[in-house]
Amino acid sequence: MILYGISTCDTCKKARISLKAAGYDVNFRDVRGEPLSEEEWTFLLNEFGSALINQKSTTYRGLSMWLRESEADAQLVAHPTLMKRPILQDGDKLTMGWKDDVQAIWLPK
């Protein structure tokens, strides 16, 4: 399993702890420290569309109008922390976020 996120994200930390406790072998990918390739961003954008951008974040609100109006892939390359987190991938299974509906997919009842 791969968990895409950033090391300072509390939600990513909670997800990692819960997933490890559930027995998953979690490989953490810090998108700030180890940026995703254009192909990886394209894959995630094809799956989640513009919902991949966290438009409520402080980073997003601080973007220039030009960058805010640019394509999502340009925004993510310039500011990878705009990505909603965490993204979880295990084989063909791919989810975004760590709310109850996503936890129900990954964690045993």
PDB file of N, CA and C in Angstrom:
ATOM      1  N   MET A   1       0.843  -1.174   0.000  1.00  0.00           N
ATOM      2  CA  MET A   1       0.000   0.000   0.000  1.00  0.00           C
ATOM      3  C   MET A   1       0.887   1.236   0.000  1.00  0.00           C
ATOM      4  N   ILE A   2       0.460   2.241  -0.762  1.00  0.00           N
ATOM      5  CA  ILE A   2       1.159   3.524  -0.783  1.00  0.00           C
ATOM      6  C   ILE A   2       0.229   4.584  -0.215  1.00  0.00           C
ATOM      7  N   LEU A   3       0.737   5.370   0.698  1.00  0.00           N
ATOM      8  CA  LEU A   3       0.010   6.508   1.232  1.00  0.00           C
ATOM      9  C   LEU A   3       0.727   7.757   0.729  1.00  0.00           C
ATOM     10  N   TYR A   4       0.054   8.531  -0.119  1.00  0.00           N
ATOM     11  CA  TYR A   4       0.591   9.787  -0.627  1.00  0.00           C
ATOM     12  C   TYR A   4       0.116  10.909   0.279  1.00  0.00           C
ATOM     13  N   GLY A   5       1.030  11.743   0.730  1.00  0.00           N
ATOM     14  CA  GLY A   5       0.672  12.848   1.600  1.00  0.00           C
ATOM     15  C   GLY A   5       1.893  13.693   1.897  1.00  0.00           C
ATOM     16  N   ILE A   6       1.835  14.410   3.015  1.00  0.00           N
ATOM     17  CA  ILE A   6       2.993  15.159   3.490  1.00  0.00           C
ATOM     18  C   ILE A   6       3.224  14.791   4.953  1.00  0.00           C
ATOM     19  N   SER A   7       4.484  14.832   5.348  1.00  0.00           N
ATOM     20  CA  SER A   7       4.851  14.330   6.676  1.00  0.00           C
ATOM     21  C   SER A   7       4.266  15.147   7.817  1.00  0.00           C
ATOM     22  N   THR A   8       3.931  16.406   7.583  1.00  0.00           N
ATOM     23  CA  THR A   8       3.396  17.252   8.648  1.00  0.00           C
ATOM     24  C   THR A   8       1.870  17.227   8.750  1.00  0.00           C
ATOM     25  N   CYS A   9       1.223  16.470   7.885  1.00  0.00           N
ATOM     26  CA  CYS A   9      -0.244  16.421   7.852  1.00  0.00           C
ATOM     27  C   CYS A   9      -0.766  15.500   8.947  1.00  0.00           C
ATOM     28  N   ASP A  10      -1.549  16.045   9.875  1.00  0.00           N
ATOM     29  CA  ASP A  10      -2.108  15.251  10.970  1.00  0.00           C
ATOM     30  C   ASP A  10      -3.021  14.137  10.471  1.00  0.00           C
ATOM     31  N   THR A  11      -3.784  14.403   9.421  1.00  0.00           N
ATOM     32  CA  THR A  11      -4.682  13.383   8.881  1.00  0.00           C
ATOM     33  C   THR A  11      -3.881  12.229   8.303  1.00  0.00           C
ATOM     34  N   CYS A  12      -2.782  12.532   7.624  1.00  0.00           N
ATOM     35  CA  CYS A  12      -1.911  11.479   7.089  1.00  0.00           C
ATOM     36  C   CYS A  12      -1.312  10.655   8.224  1.00  0.00           C
ATOM     37  N   LYS A  13      -0.922  11.325   9.301  1.00  0.00           N
ATOM     38  CA  LYS A  13      -0.361  10.613  10.456  1.00  0.00           C
ATOM     39  C   LYS A  13      -1.395   9.664  11.055  1.00  0.00           C
ATOM     40  N   LYS A  14      -2.630  10.135  11.220  1.00  0.00           N
ATOM     41  CA  LYS A  14      -3.696   9.293  11.773  1.00  0.00           C
ATOM     42  C   LYS A  14      -3.966   8.095  10.874  1.00  0.00           C
ATOM     43  N   ALA A  15      -4.004   8.336   9.572  1.00  0.00           N
ATOM     44  CA  ALA A  15      -4.265   7.251   8.625  1.00  0.00           C
ATOM     45  C   ALA A  15      -3.151   6.209   8.685  1.00  0.00           C
ATOM     46  N   ARG A  16      -1.907   6.650   8.714  1.00  0.00           N
ATOM     47  CA  ARG A  16      -0.778   5.713   8.779  1.00  0.00           C
ATOM     48  C   ARG A  16      -0.855   4.840  10.023  1.00  0.00           C
ATOM     49  N   ILE A  17      -1.134   5.451  11.163  1.00  0.00           N
ATOM     50  CA  ILE A  17      -1.226   4.709  12.424  1.00  0.00           C
ATOM     51  C   ILE A  17      -2.357   3.682  12.363  1.00  0.00           C
ATOM     52  N   SER A  18      -3.523   4.104  11.891  1.00  0.00           N
ATOM     53  CA  SER A  18      -4.675   3.199  11.817  1.00  0.00           C
ATOM     54  C   SER A  18      -4.438   2.056  10.846  1.00  0.00           C
ATOM     55  N   LEU A  19      -3.848   2.358   9.701  1.00  0.00           N
ATOM     56  CA  LEU A  19      -3.604   1.331   8.694  1.00  0.00           C
ATOM     57  C   LEU A  19      -2.556   0.321   9.166  1.00  0.00           C
ATOM     58  N   LYS A  20      -1.506   0.810   9.804  1.00  0.00           N
ATOM     59  CA  LYS A  20      -0.484  -0.104  10.340  1.00  0.00           C
ATOM     60  C   LYS A  20      -1.090  -1.000  11.419  1.00  0.00           C
ATOM     61  N   ALA A  21      -1.939  -0.420  12.276  1.00  0.00           N
ATOM     62  CA  ALA A  21      -2.593  -1.205  13.320  1.00  0.00           C
ATOM     63  C   ALA A  21      -3.517  -2.263  12.725  1.00  0.00           C
ATOM     64  N   ALA A  22      -4.054  -1.987  11.525  1.00  0.00           N
ATOM     65  CA  ALA A  22      -4.936  -2.942  10.853  1.00  0.00           C
ATOM     66  C   ALA A  22      -4.150  -3.993  10.066  1.00  0.00           C
ATOM     67  N   GLY A  23      -2.816  -3.880  10.094  1.00  0.00           N
ATOM     68  CA  GLY A  23      -1.986  -4.892   9.453  1.00  0.00           C
ATOM     69  C   GLY A  23      -1.466  -4.560   8.074  1.00  0.00           C
ATOM     70  N   TYR A  24      -1.705  -3.372   7.605  1.00  0.00           N
ATOM     71  CA  TYR A  24      -1.198  -2.979   6.284  1.00  0.00           C
ATOM     72  C   TYR A  24       0.290  -2.637   6.362  1.00  0.00           C
ATOM     73  N   ASP A  25       0.998  -2.968   5.298  1.00  0.00           N
ATOM     74  CA  ASP A  25       2.381  -2.548   5.125  1.00  0.00           C
ATOM     75  C   ASP A  25       2.318  -1.231   4.347  1.00  0.00           C
ATOM     76  N   VAL A  26       2.450  -0.120   5.054  1.00  0.00           N
ATOM     77  CA  VAL A  26       2.233   1.202   4.466  1.00  0.00           C
ATOM     78  C   VAL A  26       3.561   1.823   4.045  1.00  0.00           C
ATOM     79  N   ASN A  27       3.674   2.101   2.758  1.00  0.00           N
ATOM     80  CA  ASN A  27       4.813   2.846   2.226  1.00  0.00           C
ATOM     81  C   ASN A  27       4.369   4.294   2.076  1.00  0.00           C
ATOM     82  N   PHE A  28       5.008   5.179   2.829  1.00  0.00           N
ATOM     83  CA  PHE A  28       4.633   6.592   2.818  1.00  0.00           C
ATOM     84  C   PHE A  28       5.399   7.322   1.732  1.00  0.00           C
ATOM     85  N   ARG A  29       4.689   8.101   0.940  1.00  0.00           N
ATOM     86  CA  ARG A  29       5.305   8.907  -0.118  1.00  0.00           C
ATOM     87  C   ARG A  29       5.004  10.371   0.171  1.00  0.00           C
ATOM     88  N   ASP A  30       6.019  11.098   0.605  1.00  0.00           N
ATOM     89  CA  ASP A  30       5.884  12.527   0.903  1.00  0.00           C
ATOM     90  C   ASP A  30       5.965  13.287  -0.411  1.00  0.00           C
ATOM     91  N   VAL A  31       4.841  13.838  -0.861  1.00  0.00           N
ATOM     92  CA  VAL A  31       4.795  14.494  -2.167  1.00  0.00           C
ATOM     93  C   VAL A  31       5.577  15.807  -2.195  1.00  0.00           C
ATOM     94  N   ARG A  32       5.910  16.314  -1.025  1.00  0.00           N
ATOM     95  CA  ARG A  32       6.744  17.520  -0.977  1.00  0.00           C
ATOM     96  C   ARG A  32       8.225  17.121  -1.052  1.00  0.00           C
ATOM     97  N   GLY A  33       8.611  16.117  -0.314  1.00  0.00           N
ATOM     98  CA  GLY A  33      10.007  15.681  -0.278  1.00  0.00           C
ATOM     99  C   GLY A  33      10.416  14.845  -1.477  1.00  0.00           C
ATOM    100  N   GLU A  34       9.471  14.107  -2.028  1.00  0.00           N
ATOM    101  CA  GLU A  34       9.708  13.257  -3.195  1.00  0.00           C
ATOM    102  C   GLU A  34       8.587  13.526  -4.199  1.00  0.00           C
ATOM    103  N   PRO A  35       8.696  14.644  -4.950  1.00  0.00           N
ATOM    104  CA  PRO A  35       7.603  15.069  -5.836  1.00  0.00           C
ATOM    105  C   PRO A  35       7.177  13.980  -6.825  1.00  0.00           C
ATOM    106  N   LEU A  36       5.890  13.988  -7.118  1.00  0.00           N
ATOM    107  CA  LEU A  36       5.348  13.044  -8.084  1.00  0.00           C
ATOM    108  C   LEU A  36       5.731  13.485  -9.494  1.00  0.00           C
ATOM    109  N   SER A  37       5.845  12.513 -10.375  1.00  0.00           N
ATOM    110  CA  SER A  37       6.144  12.808 -11.777  1.00  0.00           C
ATOM    111  C   SER A  37       4.880  13.319 -12.468  1.00  0.00           C
ATOM    112  N   GLU A  38       5.050  13.842 -13.644  1.00  0.00           N
ATOM    113  CA  GLU A  38       3.903  14.319 -14.422  1.00  0.00           C
ATOM    114  C   GLU A  38       2.928  13.170 -14.680  1.00  0.00           C
ATOM    115  N   GLU A  39       3.459  11.984 -14.933  1.00  0.00           N
ATOM    116  CA  GLU A  39       2.611  10.818 -15.189  1.00  0.00           C
ATOM    117  C   GLU A  39       1.815  10.429 -13.935  1.00  0.00           C
ATOM    118  N   GLU A  40       2.450  10.520 -12.773  1.00  0.00           N
ATOM    119  CA  GLU A  40       1.753  10.189 -11.529  1.00  0.00           C
ATOM    120  C   GLU A  40       0.641  11.195 -11.240  1.00  0.00           C
ATOM    121  N   TRP A  41       0.908  12.494 -11.452  1.00  0.00           N
ATOM    122  CA  TRP A  41      -0.136  13.508 -11.264  1.00  0.00           C
ATOM    123  C   TRP A  41      -1.280  13.264 -12.241  1.00  0.00           C
ATOM    124  N   THR A  42      -0.940  12.946 -13.502  1.00  0.00           N
ATOM    125  CA  THR A  42      -1.968  12.701 -14.518  1.00  0.00           C
ATOM    126  C   THR A  42      -2.850  11.527 -14.105  1.00  0.00           C
ATOM    127  N   PHE A  43      -2.236  10.461 -13.596  1.00  0.00           N
ATOM    128  CA  PHE A  43      -2.998   9.296 -13.134  1.00  0.00           C
ATOM    129  C   PHE A  43      -3.986   9.699 -12.039  1.00  0.00           C
ATOM    130  N   LEU A  44      -3.498  10.436 -11.042  1.00  0.00           N
ATOM    131  CA  LEU A  44      -4.370  10.844  -9.930  1.00  0.00           C
ATOM    132  C   LEU A  44      -5.458  11.806 -10.401  1.00  0.00           C
ATOM    133  N   LEU A  45      -5.108  12.718 -11.297  1.00  0.00           N
ATOM    134  CA  LEU A  45      -6.110  13.662 -11.818  1.00  0.00           C
ATOM    135  C   LEU A  45      -7.151  12.943 -12.660  1.00  0.00           C
ATOM    136  N   ASN A  46      -6.750  11.926 -13.401  1.00  0.00           N
ATOM    137  CA  ASN A  46      -7.721  11.150 -14.175  1.00  0.00           C
ATOM    138  C   ASN A  46      -8.698  10.423 -13.253  1.00  0.00           C
ATOM    139  N   GLU A  47      -8.211  10.019 -12.094  1.00  0.00           N
ATOM    140  CA  GLU A  47      -9.054   9.309 -11.134  1.00  0.00           C
ATOM    141  C   GLU A  47      -9.973  10.254 -10.357  1.00  0.00           C
ATOM    142  N   PHE A  48      -9.427  11.365  -9.877  1.00  0.00           N
ATOM    143  CA  PHE A  48     -10.177  12.238  -8.966  1.00  0.00           C
ATOM    144  C   PHE A  48     -10.594  13.580  -9.573  1.00  0.00           C
ATOM    145  N   GLY A  49     -10.040  13.941 -10.708  1.00  0.00           N
ATOM    146  CA  GLY A  49     -10.373  15.223 -11.336  1.00  0.00           C
ATOM    147  C   GLY A  49      -9.929  16.394 -10.478  1.00  0.00           C
ATOM    148  N   SER A  50     -10.625  17.497 -10.627  1.00  0.00           N
ATOM    149  CA  SER A  50     -10.247  18.712  -9.899  1.00  0.00           C
ATOM    150  C   SER A  50     -10.497  18.595  -8.395  1.00  0.00           C
ATOM    151  N   ALA A  51     -11.218  17.543  -7.971  1.00  0.00           N
ATOM    152  CA  ALA A  51     -11.431  17.320  -6.531  1.00  0.00           C
ATOM    153  C   ALA A  51     -10.108  17.028  -5.821  1.00  0.00           C
ATOM    154  N   LEU A  52      -9.069  16.693  -6.589  1.00  0.00           N
ATOM    155  CA  LEU A  52      -7.753  16.430  -6.007  1.00  0.00           C
ATOM    156  C   LEU A  52      -7.138  17.696  -5.409  1.00  0.00           C
ATOM    157  N   ILE A  53      -7.593  18.866  -5.867  1.00  0.00           N
ATOM    158  CA  ILE A  53      -7.088  20.144  -5.357  1.00  0.00           C
ATOM    159  C   ILE A  53      -7.900  20.556  -4.135  1.00  0.00           C
ATOM    160  N   ASN A  54      -7.215  20.839  -3.044  1.00  0.00           N
ATOM    161  CA  ASN A  54      -7.875  21.318  -1.825  1.00  0.00           C
ATOM    162  C   ASN A  54      -8.035  22.830  -1.918  1.00  0.00           C
ATOM    163  N   GLN A  55      -9.193  23.252  -2.423  1.00  0.00           N
ATOM    164  CA  GLN A  55      -9.444  24.678  -2.634  1.00  0.00           C
ATOM    165  C   GLN A  55      -9.756  25.424  -1.347  1.00  0.00           C
ATOM    166  N   LYS A  56      -9.866  24.715  -0.238  1.00  0.00           N
ATOM    167  CA  LYS A  56     -10.119  25.369   1.049  1.00  0.00           C
ATOM    168  C   LYS A  56      -8.828  25.630   1.819  1.00  0.00           C
ATOM    169  N   SER A  57      -7.713  25.185   1.261  1.00  0.00           N
ATOM    170  CA  SER A  57      -6.443  25.302   1.985  1.00  0.00           C
ATOM    171  C   SER A  57      -5.889  26.726   1.961  1.00  0.00           C
ATOM    172  N   THR A  58      -5.065  27.002   2.942  1.00  0.00           N
ATOM    173  CA  THR A  58      -4.378  28.290   3.013  1.00  0.00           C
ATOM    174  C   THR A  58      -3.479  28.467   1.795  1.00  0.00           C
ATOM    175  N   THR A  59      -2.837  27.396   1.377  1.00  0.00           N
ATOM    176  CA  THR A  59      -1.955  27.468   0.203  1.00  0.00           C
ATOM    177  C   THR A  59      -2.746  27.890  -1.020  1.00  0.00           C
ATOM    178  N   TYR A  60      -3.924  27.300  -1.232  1.00  0.00           N
ATOM    179  CA  TYR A  60      -4.742  27.637  -2.395  1.00  0.00           C
ATOM    180  C   TYR A  60      -5.170  29.104  -2.351  1.00  0.00           C
ATOM    181  N   ARG A  61      -5.601  29.539  -1.176  1.00  0.00           N
ATOM    182  CA  ARG A  61      -6.047  30.936  -1.058  1.00  0.00           C
ATOM    183  C   ARG A  61      -4.914  31.917  -1.314  1.00  0.00           C
ATOM    184  N   GLY A  62      -3.663  31.488  -1.108  1.00  0.00           N
ATOM    185  CA  GLY A  62      -2.516  32.354  -1.330  1.00  0.00           C
ATOM    186  C   GLY A  62      -1.980  32.339  -2.752  1.00  0.00           C
ATOM    187  N   LEU A  63      -2.566  31.498  -3.624  1.00  0.00           N
ATOM    188  CA  LEU A  63      -2.093  31.436  -5.006  1.00  0.00           C
ATOM    189  C   LEU A  63      -2.423  32.714  -5.759  1.00  0.00           C
ATOM    190  N   SER A  64      -1.599  33.041  -6.728  1.00  0.00           N
ATOM    191  CA  SER A  64      -1.912  34.167  -7.608  1.00  0.00           C
ATOM    192  C   SER A  64      -3.152  33.810  -8.422  1.00  0.00           C
ATOM    193  N   MET A  65      -3.849  34.810  -8.904  1.00  0.00           N
ATOM    194  CA  MET A  65      -5.046  34.578  -9.708  1.00  0.00           C
ATOM    195  C   MET A  65      -4.688  33.768 -10.955  1.00  0.00           C
ATOM    196  N   TRP A  66      -3.520  34.040 -11.519  1.00  0.00           N
ATOM    197  CA  TRP A  66      -3.084  33.315 -12.711  1.00  0.00           C
ATOM    198  C   TRP A  66      -2.954  31.824 -12.413  1.00  0.00           C
ATOM    199  N   LEU A  67      -2.306  31.487 -11.302  1.00  0.00           N
ATOM    200  CA  LEU A  67      -2.117  30.079 -10.973  1.00  0.00           C
ATOM    201  C   LEU A  67      -3.437  29.428 -10.566  1.00  0.00           C
ATOM    202  N   ARG A  68      -4.290  30.163  -9.886  1.00  0.00           N
ATOM    203  CA  ARG A  68      -5.591  29.616  -9.492  1.00  0.00           C
ATOM    204  C   ARG A  68      -6.432  29.245 -10.700  1.00  0.00           C
ATOM    205  N   GLU A  69      -6.269  29.998 -11.776  1.00  0.00           N
ATOM    206  CA  GLU A  69      -7.041  29.743 -12.987  1.00  0.00           C
ATOM    207  C   GLU A  69      -6.347  28.772 -13.930  1.00  0.00           C
ATOM    208  N   SER A  70      -5.155  28.331 -13.574  1.00  0.00           N
ATOM    209  CA  SER A  70      -4.428  27.383 -14.420  1.00  0.00           C
ATOM    210  C   SER A  70      -4.980  25.974 -14.226  1.00  0.00           C
ATOM    211  N   GLU A  71      -4.496  25.066 -15.028  1.00  0.00           N
ATOM    212  CA  GLU A  71      -4.915  23.670 -14.935  1.00  0.00           C
ATOM    213  C   GLU A  71      -4.449  23.064 -13.608  1.00  0.00           C
ATOM    214  N   ALA A  72      -5.177  22.069 -13.141  1.00  0.00           N
ATOM    215  CA  ALA A  72      -4.872  21.432 -11.863  1.00  0.00           C
ATOM    216  C   ALA A  72      -3.462  20.846 -11.837  1.00  0.00           C
ATOM    217  N   ASP A  73      -3.015  20.275 -12.958  1.00  0.00           N
ATOM    218  CA  ASP A  73      -1.679  19.677 -12.956  1.00  0.00           C
ATOM    219  C   ASP A  73      -0.594  20.732 -12.749  1.00  0.00           C
ATOM    220  N   ALA A  74      -0.777  21.919 -13.311  1.00  0.00           N
ATOM    221  CA  ALA A  74       0.188  23.003 -13.109  1.00  0.00           C
ATOM    222  C   ALA A  74       0.196  23.454 -11.651  1.00  0.00           C
ATOM    223  N   GLN A  75      -0.979  23.501 -11.039  1.00  0.00           N
ATOM    224  CA  GLN A  75      -1.078  23.887  -9.634  1.00  0.00           C
ATOM    225  C   GLN A  75      -0.354  22.881  -8.747  1.00  0.00           C
ATOM    226  N   LEU A  76      -0.556  21.598  -9.019  1.00  0.00           N
ATOM    227  CA  LEU A  76       0.041  20.549  -8.191  1.00  0.00           C
ATOM    228  C   LEU A  76       1.552  20.457  -8.367  1.00  0.00           C
ATOM    229  N   VAL A  77       2.043  20.690  -9.574  1.00  0.00           N
ATOM    230  CA  VAL A  77       3.489  20.673  -9.796  1.00  0.00           C
ATOM    231  C   VAL A  77       4.134  21.830  -9.048  1.00  0.00           C
ATOM    232  N   ALA A  78       3.491  22.997  -9.092  1.00  0.00           N
ATOM    233  CA  ALA A  78       4.033  24.178  -8.414  1.00  0.00           C
ATOM    234  C   ALA A  78       3.888  24.077  -6.897  1.00  0.00           C
ATOM    235  N   HIS A  79       2.793  23.486  -6.429  1.00  0.00           N
ATOM    236  CA  HIS A  79       2.497  23.400  -4.992  1.00  0.00           C
ATOM    237  C   HIS A  79       1.889  22.030  -4.674  1.00  0.00           C
ATOM    238  N   PRO A  80       2.729  20.996  -4.508  1.00  0.00           N
ATOM    239  CA  PRO A  80       2.197  19.651  -4.267  1.00  0.00           C
ATOM    240  C   PRO A  80       1.336  19.538  -3.016  1.00  0.00           C
ATOM    241  N   THR A  81       1.500  20.461  -2.074  1.00  0.00           N
ATOM    242  CA  THR A  81       0.702  20.390  -0.845  1.00  0.00           C
ATOM    243  C   THR A  81      -0.754  20.799  -1.084  1.00  0.00           C
ATOM    244  N   LEU A  82      -1.101  21.215  -2.292  1.00  0.00           N
ATOM    245  CA  LEU A  82      -2.499  21.494  -2.626  1.00  0.00           C
ATOM    246  C   LEU A  82      -3.328  20.220  -2.728  1.00  0.00           C
ATOM    247  N   MET A  83      -2.658  19.079  -2.827  1.00  0.00           N
ATOM    248  CA  MET A  83      -3.350  17.808  -2.972  1.00  0.00           C
ATOM    249  C   MET A  83      -4.151  17.486  -1.715  1.00  0.00           C
ATOM    250  N   LYS A  84      -5.402  17.081  -1.907  1.00  0.00           N
ATOM    251  CA  LYS A  84      -6.174  16.586  -0.769  1.00  0.00           C
ATOM    252  C   LYS A  84      -5.501  15.323  -0.280  1.00  0.00           C
ATOM    253  N   ARG A  85      -5.467  15.157   1.026  1.00  0.00           N
ATOM    254  CA  ARG A  85      -4.685  14.064   1.599  1.00  0.00           C
ATOM    255  C   ARG A  85      -5.507  13.280   2.612  1.00  0.00           C
ATOM    256  N   PRO A  86      -5.082  12.051   2.818  1.00  0.00           N
ATOM    257  CA  PRO A  86      -4.114  11.265   2.064  1.00  0.00           C
ATOM    258  C   PRO A  86      -4.760  10.621   0.843  1.00  0.00           C
ATOM    259  N   ILE A  87      -3.924  10.235  -0.100  1.00  0.00           N
ATOM    260  CA  ILE A  87      -4.335   9.371  -1.201  1.00  0.00           C
ATOM    261  C   ILE A  87      -3.791   7.996  -0.842  1.00  0.00           C
ATOM    262  N   LEU A  88      -4.656   6.995  -0.879  1.00  0.00           N
ATOM    263  CA  LEU A  88      -4.257   5.624  -0.554  1.00  0.00           C
ATOM    264  C   LEU A  88      -4.407   4.757  -1.790  1.00  0.00           C
ATOM    265  N   GLN A  89      -3.368   3.985  -2.073  1.00  0.00           N
ATOM    266  CA  GLN A  89      -3.399   3.082  -3.220  1.00  0.00           C
ATOM    267  C   GLN A  89      -2.892   1.718  -2.798  1.00  0.00           C
ATOM    268  N   ASP A  90      -3.694   0.714  -3.105  1.00  0.00           N
ATOM    269  CA  ASP A  90      -3.300  -0.672  -2.869  1.00  0.00           C
ATOM    270  C   ASP A  90      -3.776  -1.456  -4.081  1.00  0.00           C
ATOM    271  N   GLY A  91      -2.859  -1.754  -4.986  1.00  0.00           N
ATOM    272  CA  GLY A  91      -3.242  -2.401  -6.237  1.00  0.00           C
ATOM    273  C   GLY A  91      -4.129  -1.468  -7.036  1.00  0.00           C
ATOM    274  N   ASP A  92      -5.314  -1.949  -7.405  1.00  0.00           N
ATOM    275  CA  ASP A  92      -6.259  -1.138  -8.179  1.00  0.00           C
ATOM    276  C   ASP A  92      -7.155  -0.276  -7.298  1.00  0.00           C
ATOM    277  N   LYS A  93      -7.096  -0.484  -5.994  1.00  0.00           N
ATOM    278  CA  LYS A  93      -7.947   0.277  -5.070  1.00  0.00           C
ATOM    279  C   LYS A  93      -7.282   1.619  -4.783  1.00  0.00           C
ATOM    280  N   LEU A  94      -8.057   2.701  -4.943  1.00  0.00           N
ATOM    281  CA  LEU A  94      -7.524   4.055  -4.790  1.00  0.00           C
ATOM    282  C   LEU A  94      -8.584   4.922  -4.117  1.00  0.00           C
ATOM    283  N   THR A  95      -8.196   5.578  -3.020  1.00  0.00           N
ATOM    284  CA  THR A  95      -9.133   6.462  -2.320  1.00  0.00           C
ATOM    285  C   THR A  95      -8.450   7.780  -1.972  1.00  0.00           C
ATOM    286  N   MET A  96      -9.277   8.780  -1.673  1.00  0.00           N
ATOM    287  CA  MET A  96      -8.786  10.101  -1.298  1.00  0.00           C
ATOM    288  C   MET A  96      -9.444  10.524   0.008  1.00  0.00           C
ATOM    289  N   GLY A  97      -8.628  11.060   0.929  1.00  0.00           N
ATOM    290  CA  GLY A  97      -9.143  11.538   2.203  1.00  0.00           C
ATOM    291  C   GLY A  97      -9.114  10.459   3.265  1.00  0.00           C
ATOM    292  N   TRP A  98      -9.621  10.800   4.456  1.00  0.00           N
ATOM    293  CA  TRP A  98      -9.628   9.855   5.570  1.00  0.00           C
ATOM    294  C   TRP A  98     -10.884  10.045   6.413  1.00  0.00           C
ATOM    295  N   LYS A  99     -11.999  10.258   5.741  1.00  0.00           N
ATOM    296  CA  LYS A  99     -13.267  10.370   6.450  1.00  0.00           C
ATOM    297  C   LYS A  99     -13.839   8.977   6.657  1.00  0.00           C
ATOM    298  N   ASP A 100     -14.968   8.901   7.338  1.00  0.00           N
ATOM    299  CA  ASP A 100     -15.566   7.619   7.707  1.00  0.00           C
ATOM    300  C   ASP A 100     -15.776   6.684   6.519  1.00  0.00           C
ATOM    301  N   ASP A 101     -16.223   7.230   5.381  1.00  0.00           N
ATOM    302  CA  ASP A 101     -16.488   6.367   4.228  1.00  0.00           C
ATOM    303  C   ASP A 101     -15.204   5.710   3.707  1.00  0.00           C
ATOM    304  N   VAL A 102     -14.097   6.441   3.730  1.00  0.00           N
ATOM    305  CA  VAL A 102     -12.816   5.880   3.291  1.00  0.00           C
ATOM    306  C   VAL A 102     -12.278   4.899   4.336  1.00  0.00           C
ATOM    307  N   GLN A 103     -12.423   5.226   5.599  1.00  0.00           N
ATOM    308  CA  GLN A 103     -11.962   4.330   6.661  1.00  0.00           C
ATOM    309  C   GLN A 103     -12.718   2.998   6.578  1.00  0.00           C
ATOM    310  N   ALA A 104     -13.995   3.046   6.218  1.00  0.00           N
ATOM    311  CA  ALA A 104     -14.792   1.810   6.112  1.00  0.00           C
ATOM    312  C   ALA A 104     -14.266   0.903   4.998  1.00  0.00           C
ATOM    313  N   ILE A 105     -13.656   1.485   3.984  1.00  0.00           N
ATOM    314  CA  ILE A 105     -13.080   0.700   2.891  1.00  0.00           C
ATOM    315  C   ILE A 105     -11.838  -0.037   3.349  1.00  0.00           C
ATOM    316  N   TRP A 106     -10.997   0.639   4.136  1.00  0.00           N
ATOM    317  CA  TRP A 106      -9.677   0.103   4.477  1.00  0.00           C
ATOM    318  C   TRP A 106      -9.606  -0.631   5.812  1.00  0.00           C
ATOM    319  N   LEU A 107     -10.422  -0.240   6.756  1.00  0.00           N
ATOM    320  CA  LEU A 107     -10.287  -0.799   8.105  1.00  0.00           C
ATOM    321  C   LEU A 107     -11.338  -1.859   8.368  1.00  0.00           C
ATOM    322  N   PRO A 108     -10.940  -2.966   9.025  1.00  0.00           N
ATOM    323  CA  PRO A 108     -11.920  -4.019   9.344  1.00  0.00           C
ATOM    324  C   PRO A 108     -12.921  -3.512  10.374  1.00  0.00           C
ATOM    325  N   LYS A 109     -14.084  -4.083  10.320  1.00  0.00           N
ATOM    326  CA  LYS A 109     -15.137  -3.666  11.264  1.00  0.00           C
ATOM    327  C   LYS A 109     -15.035  -4.408  12.569  1.00  0.00           C
TER     328      LYS A 109
END
